[in-house]
Amino acid sequence: MFGLSKQEKQLKLQSSYQSELKDLLIQINSNTERTGFLAKFQGGGYDHADTLHNIFEDFGYPSQLNFFNFWNMYRRFSVASAIVEMPVDICWLSSPEINGSELFNKEFLTLSKNTKLWNRLKGLDKRQRIGRYAGLLIEVRDGKKLSEPVDALNGVGSISNLKPIYEGQLEVVTTNKDQTSDDFDKPTMYSYNSSATGDRSDESTFSGQVHPSRLIIAAEGADDGSIYGISALENIYNDLMDLRKISGSGGEGFYQNTRSAPVITTKDGFKAPSDKEGKAALEKEIDDFLGKWQKKFVSQGLEFNYPNIKLDNPKEFADIAWSNISAGSKLPSDEIRGTQTGVLAGDKNSKSTLRRMNSRRENFLNELVTNVIDWMILYRVLPASTFEIVWDDLLSSSDDEKLTLGDKMASINEKSFRAGLSAVFSEDEIREASGYEELDFEIPSESMDNLDDEE
């Protein structure tokens, strides 16, 4: 800036500062917009429908939710744990039957035993309900880094481990930006940190990138083709906080009632010690007594009065939270509470829940199992084959109920014969209702003409 006057130098510096400040503000705004955009995908925020209040701030709710919130709620509050685990435990009461070609069935059986497949998929199912998604890391013996794509493998022995991992351990690094690609907007690389939130091992230290071909993503509620589903705890998070406050404050209130600090008053002209040592001795004696270190306190002129804290019955407020939690989770509140108290729900609620769990099996879990098997066929772990996924019916009757139904059907047939009518149910129908397979041969029917004579 040689040859410039002092005023020109100042103007030039001011212009430079303004330019730098403008660039900084643009960067800040860009980061703010990006953070706000990403936050929309993390969890629902306050809608500002109430123009006079921010009820999230008033009630102490988080303005945005992320995996850290969901994870801690799940780990530290039993009701949240029940919401996450109940559908998983019910749906995985039994494993599906996979039917394909003879060779496929043989290899699949070996694969499922070697990798503990159904146990791993149950773990994946639970993890994806906590966050927006979870991943099944397929560890293979191919001599490559996790960041490299998988090539064709060599049978069931190529799989060394299946590891379900939480959203908090698995983040998207890059996505496909080619709008003409079939994989447009799909992740092209993930970052995996084994020691991040969600890990239960103090010795897990891996941190690096993972290629999408080494992962199966599970995301319930992701109906747009993305990997971003919805946490099972998101729409009930505020109500879970309310219920936790009621429970915690009630416990604290009862605790304070049992050990509340007394109100100390003087009488009979008591005078506190004026010297330093006397004051310290009296304070120590009182502290030891209140801290339960000593059972008796003898001091002439001091009187201890213990106030009684009256606690209102919080049932009305707790019931509101329970109703909201039940509506949001689509699980009857008596079933959720039953998992905490051991009290079983009524038949009507149980059957309604089991119908939803049957539907969850046929839709979400069928898709998940299909994705895993398709991966195994694509990379030649399993032989190519069409296959069928068959679950048992969660609503099916018990053996006693089936036999009772079969007995009733046989009784109806007997009454029909006595009335001179034909049988209402066939033998095969009665056997099926009783829980038995159809016969592959016919039993000669006996005449019913003598039924009346026998009486």
Protein backbone atom coordinates (compact mmCIF):
# COMPACT_ATOMS: atom_id res chain seq x y z
CA MET A 1 0.00 0.00 0.00
CA PHE A 2 2.96 2.25 -0.70
CA GLY A 3 2.12 5.66 -2.16
CA LEU A 4 -1.38 5.76 -0.57
CA SER A 5 -2.44 8.47 1.81
CA LYS A 6 -3.34 7.63 5.40
CA GLN A 7 -7.05 8.06 4.67
CA GLU A 8 -6.86 5.82 1.58
CA LYS A 9 -5.04 3.14 3.60
CA GLN A 10 -7.78 3.23 6.27
CA LEU A 11 -10.53 2.96 3.64
CA LYS A 12 -8.76 0.03 2.01
CA LEU A 13 -8.32 -1.78 5.34
CA GLN A 14 -11.96 -1.09 6.23
CA SER A 15 -13.07 -2.54 2.88
CA SER A 16 -10.90 -5.62 3.48
CA TYR A 17 -12.35 -6.12 6.95
CA GLN A 18 -15.89 -5.76 5.61
CA SER A 19 -15.19 -8.33 2.91
CA GLU A 20 -13.79 -10.80 5.44
CA LEU A 21 -16.75 -10.17 7.76
CA LYS A 22 -19.19 -10.77 4.90
CA ASP A 23 -17.48 -14.08 4.02
CA LEU A 24 -17.59 -15.10 7.69
CA LEU A 25 -21.31 -14.30 7.96
CA ILE A 26 -22.02 -16.29 4.78
CA GLN A 27 -20.14 -19.25 6.25
CA ILE A 28 -22.01 -18.96 9.57
CA ASN A 29 -25.37 -18.78 7.81
CA SER A 30 -24.45 -21.74 5.65
CA ASN A 31 -23.49 -23.79 8.71
CA THR A 32 -26.66 -22.71 10.51
CA GLU A 33 -28.83 -23.69 7.57
CA ARG A 34 -27.04 -27.00 7.23
CA THR A 35 -27.38 -27.69 10.95
CA GLY A 36 -31.06 -26.78 10.87
CA PHE A 37 -31.60 -28.95 7.80
CA LEU A 38 -29.89 -31.93 9.38
CA ALA A 39 -31.74 -31.38 12.65
CA LYS A 40 -35.03 -31.90 10.84
CA PHE A 41 -33.92 -35.44 10.14
CA GLN A 42 -32.72 -36.03 13.69
CA GLY A 43 -36.06 -35.54 15.40
CA GLY A 44 -39.18 -33.41 15.44
CA GLY A 45 -38.68 -29.93 16.89
CA TYR A 46 -41.09 -27.39 18.31
CA ASP A 47 -43.58 -26.17 15.71
CA HIS A 48 -44.05 -22.69 17.27
CA ALA A 49 -47.82 -23.07 16.88
CA ASP A 50 -48.22 -21.19 20.18
CA THR A 51 -47.08 -17.68 19.25
CA LEU A 52 -47.01 -16.50 22.88
CA HIS A 53 -44.98 -19.31 24.40
CA ASN A 54 -42.26 -21.78 23.57
CA ILE A 55 -43.72 -24.73 25.45
CA PHE A 56 -40.65 -26.87 24.80
CA GLU A 57 -38.56 -24.39 26.78
CA ASP A 58 -41.30 -23.90 29.39
CA PHE A 59 -41.64 -27.64 30.01
CA GLY A 60 -37.96 -28.48 29.71
CA TYR A 61 -38.20 -30.56 26.52
CA PRO A 62 -35.20 -30.70 24.16
CA SER A 63 -35.68 -28.44 21.13
CA GLN A 64 -34.23 -31.16 18.88
CA LEU A 65 -33.74 -34.88 19.39
CA ASN A 66 -30.82 -37.00 18.25
CA PHE A 67 -29.55 -40.52 18.81
CA PHE A 68 -27.87 -39.52 22.08
CA ASN A 69 -31.30 -38.55 23.52
CA PHE A 70 -32.96 -41.76 22.37
CA TRP A 71 -30.10 -43.97 23.52
CA ASN A 72 -30.00 -42.52 27.04
CA MET A 73 -33.77 -42.62 27.42
CA TYR A 74 -33.73 -46.28 26.38
CA ARG A 75 -30.87 -47.18 28.71
CA ARG A 76 -32.06 -45.27 31.78
CA PHE A 77 -35.87 -45.49 31.75
CA SER A 78 -37.58 -48.87 31.91
CA VAL A 79 -40.75 -47.71 30.13
CA ALA A 80 -38.70 -46.59 27.12
CA SER A 81 -36.89 -49.94 27.13
CA ALA A 82 -40.24 -51.74 27.08
CA ILE A 83 -41.46 -49.63 24.13
CA VAL A 84 -38.35 -50.52 22.14
CA GLU A 85 -38.09 -54.19 23.06
CA MET A 86 -41.69 -55.43 23.26
CA PRO A 87 -42.36 -55.61 19.49
CA VAL A 88 -38.89 -57.10 18.94
CA ASP A 89 -39.33 -59.78 21.59
CA ILE A 90 -42.81 -60.71 20.32
CA CYS A 91 -41.86 -60.83 16.64
CA TRP A 92 -38.76 -62.92 17.33
CA LEU A 93 -40.46 -65.40 19.66
CA SER A 94 -39.76 -67.83 16.84
CA SER A 95 -37.57 -67.62 13.76
CA PRO A 96 -38.96 -67.79 10.22
CA GLU A 97 -38.63 -70.87 8.06
CA ILE A 98 -36.72 -70.30 4.82
CA ASN A 99 -37.62 -72.61 1.94
CA GLY A 100 -35.63 -72.72 -1.28
CA SER A 101 -33.89 -75.33 -3.39
CA GLU A 102 -32.41 -78.38 -1.65
CA LEU A 103 -28.84 -77.10 -1.96
CA PHE A 104 -29.89 -73.60 -0.87
CA ASN A 105 -31.66 -74.94 2.22
CA LYS A 106 -28.62 -76.96 3.23
CA GLU A 107 -26.20 -74.03 2.85
CA PHE A 108 -28.58 -71.59 4.53
CA LEU A 109 -28.91 -73.86 7.55
CA THR A 110 -25.11 -73.94 7.88
CA LEU A 111 -24.93 -70.15 7.49
CA SER A 112 -27.61 -69.46 10.10
CA LYS A 113 -25.90 -71.75 12.63
CA ASN A 114 -22.37 -70.48 12.02
CA THR A 115 -23.30 -66.79 12.19
CA LYS A 116 -26.15 -67.00 14.77
CA LEU A 117 -28.15 -65.23 12.08
CA TRP A 118 -31.51 -64.95 13.86
CA ASN A 119 -29.93 -63.70 17.07
CA ARG A 120 -28.00 -61.06 15.10
CA LEU A 121 -31.09 -59.94 13.20
CA LYS A 122 -33.02 -59.60 16.45
CA GLY A 123 -30.20 -57.41 17.75
CA LEU A 124 -30.32 -55.35 14.55
CA ASP A 125 -34.09 -54.97 14.91
CA LYS A 126 -33.74 -53.67 18.46
CA ARG A 127 -31.00 -51.21 17.56
CA GLN A 128 -32.90 -49.72 14.64
CA ARG A 129 -35.92 -49.03 16.88
CA ILE A 130 -33.76 -46.91 19.19
CA GLY A 131 -32.39 -44.65 16.46
CA ARG A 132 -33.46 -43.79 12.93
CA TYR A 133 -31.54 -46.74 11.53
CA ALA A 134 -29.01 -49.42 12.41
CA GLY A 135 -26.53 -51.41 10.38
CA LEU A 136 -25.54 -55.05 10.12
CA LEU A 137 -21.81 -55.10 9.43
CA ILE A 138 -20.99 -58.23 7.44
CA GLU A 139 -17.39 -59.16 8.18
CA VAL A 140 -15.99 -61.33 5.40
CA ARG A 141 -12.74 -63.16 4.74
CA ASP A 142 -11.70 -61.35 1.58
CA GLY A 143 -8.42 -59.75 2.66
CA LYS A 144 -9.70 -56.22 1.95
CA LYS A 145 -10.23 -53.13 4.05
CA LEU A 146 -13.73 -52.27 5.22
CA SER A 147 -13.62 -49.16 3.03
CA GLU A 148 -13.27 -51.28 -0.12
CA PRO A 149 -16.25 -52.81 -1.96
CA VAL A 150 -17.04 -56.50 -1.64
CA ASP A 151 -16.41 -58.77 -4.62
CA ALA A 152 -17.73 -62.27 -5.23
CA LEU A 153 -17.06 -64.52 -2.23
CA ASN A 154 -16.60 -68.25 -1.88
CA GLY A 155 -19.50 -69.79 -0.02
CA VAL A 156 -20.67 -69.83 3.57
CA GLY A 157 -17.13 -70.02 4.94
CA SER A 158 -16.47 -66.50 3.62
CA ILE A 159 -18.55 -64.96 6.42
CA SER A 160 -16.61 -64.50 9.66
CA ASN A 161 -19.12 -62.47 11.67
CA LEU A 162 -22.35 -60.47 11.59
CA LYS A 163 -22.27 -57.42 13.83
CA PRO A 164 -25.34 -55.23 14.48
CA ILE A 165 -24.32 -51.61 15.17
CA TYR A 166 -26.19 -48.52 16.33
CA GLU A 167 -26.85 -45.31 14.46
CA GLY A 168 -24.52 -43.56 16.90
CA GLN A 169 -21.67 -45.75 15.67
CA LEU A 170 -22.49 -45.45 11.97
CA GLU A 171 -22.72 -42.14 10.12
CA VAL A 172 -23.08 -41.29 6.44
CA VAL A 173 -19.95 -39.64 5.03
CA THR A 174 -20.82 -39.22 1.33
CA THR A 175 -23.84 -39.81 -0.89
CA ASN A 176 -24.36 -40.37 -4.61
CA LYS A 177 -25.09 -37.00 -6.28
CA ASP A 178 -25.61 -38.36 -9.80
CA GLN A 179 -29.31 -37.78 -10.52
CA THR A 180 -29.24 -40.25 -13.41
CA SER A 181 -27.99 -43.08 -11.17
CA ASP A 182 -30.25 -45.75 -9.70
CA ASP A 183 -28.45 -45.10 -6.42
CA PHE A 184 -29.00 -41.34 -6.46
CA ASP A 185 -28.89 -39.85 -2.95
CA LYS A 186 -27.86 -43.21 -1.47
CA PRO A 187 -24.81 -43.38 0.83
CA THR A 188 -21.53 -44.16 -0.93
CA MET A 189 -19.44 -44.33 2.24
CA TYR A 190 -20.06 -44.64 5.97
CA SER A 191 -17.96 -43.76 8.99
CA TYR A 192 -17.87 -46.46 11.66
CA ASN A 193 -16.67 -45.72 15.18
CA SER A 194 -16.96 -48.83 17.33
CA SER A 195 -16.43 -46.91 20.59
CA ALA A 196 -19.10 -44.27 19.89
CA THR A 197 -22.40 -43.99 21.74
CA GLY A 198 -24.14 -47.34 21.82
CA ASP A 199 -21.06 -49.53 22.20
CA ARG A 200 -20.91 -51.71 25.29
CA SER A 201 -17.27 -52.75 25.10
CA ASP A 202 -14.49 -50.69 26.66
CA GLU A 203 -11.98 -52.37 24.37
CA SER A 204 -13.58 -51.47 21.01
CA THR A 205 -11.21 -49.09 19.27
CA PHE A 206 -11.90 -49.34 15.53
CA SER A 207 -12.62 -46.10 13.73
CA GLY A 208 -12.70 -45.85 9.97
CA GLN A 209 -14.77 -45.89 6.81
CA VAL A 210 -17.02 -48.70 5.66
CA HIS A 211 -18.22 -49.31 2.12
CA PRO A 212 -22.04 -49.70 1.77
CA SER A 213 -21.60 -53.12 0.15
CA ARG A 214 -20.49 -54.43 3.56
CA LEU A 215 -23.64 -53.27 5.35
CA ILE A 216 -27.31 -54.16 5.55
CA ILE A 217 -29.30 -51.15 6.79
CA ALA A 218 -32.49 -51.59 8.81
CA ALA A 219 -34.74 -48.54 9.16
CA GLU A 220 -38.34 -48.99 10.22
CA GLY A 221 -40.47 -46.17 8.85
CA ALA A 222 -38.13 -45.36 5.95
CA ASP A 223 -40.83 -45.52 3.30
CA ASP A 224 -39.08 -43.18 0.86
CA GLY A 225 -36.19 -45.43 -0.14
CA SER A 226 -33.72 -43.68 2.17
CA ILE A 227 -31.98 -45.10 5.22
CA TYR A 228 -33.64 -42.64 7.58
CA GLY A 229 -36.50 -44.16 9.52
CA ILE A 230 -38.12 -42.90 12.71
CA SER A 231 -37.08 -43.80 16.23
CA ALA A 232 -39.72 -45.66 18.20
CA LEU A 233 -39.16 -43.11 20.98
CA GLU A 234 -39.42 -39.89 18.99
CA ASN A 235 -43.15 -39.12 19.07
CA ILE A 236 -43.48 -40.14 22.73
CA TYR A 237 -40.26 -38.59 24.01
CA ASN A 238 -41.92 -35.63 25.74
CA ASP A 239 -44.45 -37.91 27.43
CA LEU A 240 -41.68 -40.23 28.59
CA MET A 241 -39.98 -37.19 30.13
CA ASP A 242 -43.22 -36.24 31.89
CA LEU A 243 -43.67 -39.74 33.28
CA ARG A 244 -40.07 -39.85 34.39
CA LYS A 245 -40.47 -36.50 36.17
CA ILE A 246 -43.56 -37.72 38.00
CA SER A 247 -41.87 -40.95 39.02
CA GLY A 248 -38.64 -39.26 40.03
CA SER A 249 -40.25 -36.39 41.93
CA GLY A 250 -42.50 -38.82 43.80
CA GLY A 251 -39.52 -40.89 44.86
CA GLU A 252 -37.58 -37.80 45.88
CA GLY A 253 -40.56 -36.45 47.82
CA PHE A 254 -40.97 -39.63 49.84
CA TYR A 255 -37.24 -39.75 50.43
CA GLN A 256 -37.17 -36.18 51.71
CA ASN A 257 -40.12 -36.95 53.96
CA THR A 258 -38.18 -39.72 55.66
CA ARG A 259 -35.04 -37.69 56.20
CA SER A 260 -36.18 -34.08 55.97
CA ALA A 261 -33.97 -31.56 57.70
CA PRO A 262 -35.51 -30.23 60.91
CA VAL A 263 -36.35 -26.65 61.76
CA ILE A 264 -34.17 -25.84 64.78
CA THR A 265 -35.55 -23.34 67.27
CA THR A 266 -34.20 -22.10 70.58
CA LYS A 267 -35.93 -22.05 73.94
CA ASP A 268 -35.28 -21.38 77.58
CA GLY A 269 -33.07 -18.45 76.72
CA PHE A 270 -30.53 -20.55 74.82
CA LYS A 271 -27.49 -18.68 73.61
CA ALA A 272 -25.16 -20.02 70.96
CA PRO A 273 -21.48 -20.21 71.86
CA SER A 274 -19.68 -16.99 71.04
CA ASP A 275 -16.19 -18.40 70.82
CA LYS A 276 -14.90 -19.97 67.62
CA GLU A 277 -14.23 -23.41 69.09
CA GLY A 278 -17.67 -23.60 70.75
CA LYS A 279 -19.42 -22.69 67.49
CA ALA A 280 -17.45 -25.29 65.54
CA ALA A 281 -18.21 -27.99 68.13
CA LEU A 282 -21.95 -27.25 68.05
CA GLU A 283 -22.06 -27.19 64.25
CA LYS A 284 -20.20 -30.50 64.08
CA GLU A 285 -22.55 -32.10 66.60
CA ILE A 286 -25.61 -30.95 64.64
CA ASP A 287 -24.10 -32.04 61.30
CA ASP A 288 -23.25 -35.47 62.70
CA PHE A 289 -26.79 -35.86 64.02
CA LEU A 290 -28.43 -34.81 60.72
CA GLY A 291 -26.02 -37.00 58.80
CA LYS A 292 -27.13 -39.98 60.92
CA TRP A 293 -23.64 -40.45 62.33
CA GLN A 294 -25.08 -40.24 65.84
CA LYS A 295 -28.51 -41.40 66.98
CA LYS A 296 -28.95 -39.00 69.91
CA PHE A 297 -28.53 -35.28 70.24
CA VAL A 298 -28.58 -33.77 73.73
CA SER A 299 -28.49 -30.00 73.94
CA GLN A 300 -30.37 -27.90 76.44
CA GLY A 301 -32.19 -25.00 74.80
CA LEU A 302 -32.50 -26.39 71.23
CA GLU A 303 -35.68 -27.90 69.78
CA PHE A 304 -35.90 -29.95 66.58
CA ASN A 305 -39.18 -29.86 64.61
CA TYR A 306 -39.56 -32.03 61.50
CA PRO A 307 -41.94 -30.62 58.86
CA ASN A 308 -44.20 -33.07 57.05
CA ILE A 309 -44.15 -32.65 53.25
CA LYS A 310 -47.57 -33.36 51.77
CA LEU A 311 -47.43 -35.04 48.35
CA ASP A 312 -50.38 -34.77 46.00
CA ASN A 313 -51.53 -37.92 44.24
CA PRO A 314 -49.91 -37.77 40.77
CA LYS A 315 -52.08 -40.55 39.29
CA GLU A 316 -54.19 -38.17 37.17
CA PHE A 317 -51.14 -36.63 35.53
CA ALA A 318 -49.36 -39.97 35.16
CA ASP A 319 -52.43 -41.43 33.43
CA ILE A 320 -52.31 -38.64 30.82
CA ALA A 321 -48.67 -39.48 30.08
CA TRP A 322 -49.47 -43.20 29.94
CA SER A 323 -52.34 -42.58 27.49
CA ASN A 324 -50.14 -40.49 25.22
CA ILE A 325 -47.35 -43.08 25.33
CA SER A 326 -49.81 -45.84 24.47
CA ALA A 327 -51.29 -43.85 21.56
CA GLY A 328 -47.87 -42.93 20.18
CA SER A 329 -46.33 -46.39 20.50
CA LYS A 330 -49.51 -48.24 19.41
CA LEU A 331 -49.03 -50.54 22.39
CA PRO A 332 -51.74 -50.89 25.07
CA SER A 333 -50.63 -49.22 28.29
CA ASP A 334 -51.59 -52.27 30.37
CA GLU A 335 -49.22 -54.36 28.24
CA ILE A 336 -46.42 -51.84 28.67
CA ARG A 337 -47.03 -51.75 32.41
CA GLY A 338 -47.29 -55.53 32.44
CA THR A 339 -43.69 -55.76 31.32
CA GLN A 340 -42.78 -53.69 34.39
CA THR A 341 -45.10 -55.34 36.94
CA GLY A 342 -45.63 -58.86 35.64
CA VAL A 343 -49.37 -58.22 35.22
CA LEU A 344 -50.67 -59.70 31.97
CA ALA A 345 -52.90 -57.71 29.63
CA GLY A 346 -56.41 -58.74 28.66
CA ASP A 347 -57.08 -61.10 25.77
CA LYS A 348 -58.59 -58.33 23.63
CA ASN A 349 -55.50 -56.10 23.86
CA SER A 350 -53.15 -59.05 23.48
CA LYS A 351 -54.82 -60.24 20.29
CA SER A 352 -54.77 -56.72 18.86
CA THR A 353 -51.05 -56.47 19.58
CA LEU A 354 -50.35 -59.90 18.11
CA ARG A 355 -52.19 -58.96 14.91
CA ARG A 356 -49.94 -55.91 14.54
CA MET A 357 -46.88 -58.03 15.23
CA ASN A 358 -47.97 -60.54 12.57
CA SER A 359 -48.26 -57.61 10.16
CA ARG A 360 -44.84 -56.32 11.23
CA ARG A 361 -43.35 -59.74 10.46
CA GLU A 362 -44.97 -59.94 7.04
CA ASN A 363 -43.88 -56.44 6.05
CA PHE A 364 -40.84 -54.91 7.73
CA LEU A 365 -39.12 -58.11 8.91
CA ASN A 366 -39.77 -59.98 5.65
CA GLU A 367 -38.09 -57.14 3.79
CA LEU A 368 -35.15 -57.18 6.20
CA VAL A 369 -34.65 -60.96 5.94
CA THR A 370 -35.01 -60.76 2.14
CA ASN A 371 -32.31 -58.07 1.96
CA VAL A 372 -29.91 -60.25 3.94
CA ILE A 373 -30.54 -63.38 1.85
CA ASP A 374 -30.36 -61.40 -1.42
CA TRP A 375 -26.96 -60.04 -0.28
CA MET A 376 -25.74 -63.56 0.42
CA ILE A 377 -26.86 -64.74 -3.02
CA LEU A 378 -25.48 -61.66 -4.81
CA TYR A 379 -22.00 -62.17 -3.36
CA ARG A 380 -22.14 -65.98 -3.81
CA VAL A 381 -22.23 -66.88 -0.16
CA LEU A 382 -25.41 -68.86 -0.91
CA PRO A 383 -26.34 -70.59 -4.17
CA ALA A 384 -28.84 -68.79 -6.38
CA SER A 385 -32.40 -69.87 -5.64
CA THR A 386 -35.88 -68.53 -5.25
CA PHE A 387 -36.96 -68.76 -1.64
CA GLU A 388 -39.97 -68.30 0.60
CA ILE A 389 -40.09 -66.81 4.11
CA VAL A 390 -42.68 -68.44 6.37
CA TRP A 391 -43.51 -67.29 9.91
CA ASP A 392 -45.75 -69.13 12.31
CA ASP A 393 -48.98 -67.41 13.35
CA LEU A 394 -48.66 -65.51 16.63
CA LEU A 395 -52.44 -65.77 17.01
CA SER A 396 -52.52 -69.55 16.64
CA SER A 397 -54.21 -71.42 19.46
CA SER A 398 -52.43 -73.50 22.07
CA ASP A 399 -52.53 -77.30 21.86
CA ASP A 400 -55.29 -77.47 24.49
CA GLU A 401 -57.34 -74.85 22.67
CA LYS A 402 -56.93 -76.71 19.37
CA LEU A 403 -58.07 -80.01 20.88
CA THR A 404 -61.02 -78.29 22.51
CA LEU A 405 -62.02 -76.79 19.16
CA GLY A 406 -61.66 -80.18 17.43
CA ASP A 407 -63.84 -81.79 20.11
CA LYS A 408 -66.53 -79.15 19.61
CA MET A 409 -66.47 -79.66 15.83
CA ALA A 410 -66.83 -83.44 16.28
CA SER A 411 -69.71 -82.85 18.68
CA ILE A 412 -71.47 -80.67 16.11
CA ASN A 413 -71.04 -83.41 13.50
CA GLU A 414 -72.56 -85.96 15.92
CA LYS A 415 -75.58 -83.75 16.58
CA SER A 416 -75.98 -83.21 12.84
CA PHE A 417 -76.01 -86.96 12.21
CA ARG A 418 -78.60 -87.47 14.94
CA ALA A 419 -80.79 -84.91 13.22
CA GLY A 420 -80.54 -86.85 9.99
CA LEU A 421 -78.26 -84.29 8.36
CA SER A 422 -74.84 -84.67 6.76
CA ALA A 423 -71.59 -83.82 8.54
CA VAL A 424 -70.87 -80.12 8.97
CA PHE A 425 -67.08 -80.58 9.10
CA SER A 426 -64.87 -83.02 7.22
CA GLU A 427 -62.29 -85.23 8.90
CA ASP A 428 -59.46 -83.13 7.51
CA GLU A 429 -61.02 -79.92 8.81
CA ILE A 430 -61.34 -81.39 12.31
CA ARG A 431 -57.76 -82.71 12.21
CA GLU A 432 -56.44 -79.35 11.05
CA ALA A 433 -58.37 -77.50 13.77
CA SER A 434 -56.99 -79.97 16.34
CA GLY A 435 -53.43 -79.29 15.20
CA TYR A 436 -52.86 -82.44 13.17
CA GLU A 437 -51.93 -82.84 9.51
CA GLU A 438 -54.33 -84.23 6.96
CA LEU A 439 -54.23 -88.00 6.43
CA ASP A 440 -52.81 -89.21 3.13
CA PHE A 441 -55.24 -92.16 3.20
CA GLU A 442 -58.91 -92.53 3.98
CA ILE A 443 -60.29 -94.24 7.09
CA PRO A 444 -63.46 -96.23 6.29
CA SER A 445 -66.36 -94.34 7.75
CA GLU A 446 -68.45 -96.19 10.29
CA SER A 447 -72.20 -96.17 10.09
CA MET A 448 -73.92 -93.82 12.45
CA ASP A 449 -77.24 -95.64 12.26
CA ASN A 450 -76.78 -97.29 15.66
CA LEU A 451 -76.13 -94.05 17.57
CA ASP A 452 -79.75 -93.74 18.63
CA ASP A 453 -79.91 -97.44 19.56
CA GLU A 454 -76.87 -97.12 21.81
CA GLU A 455 -78.70 -94.62 23.92
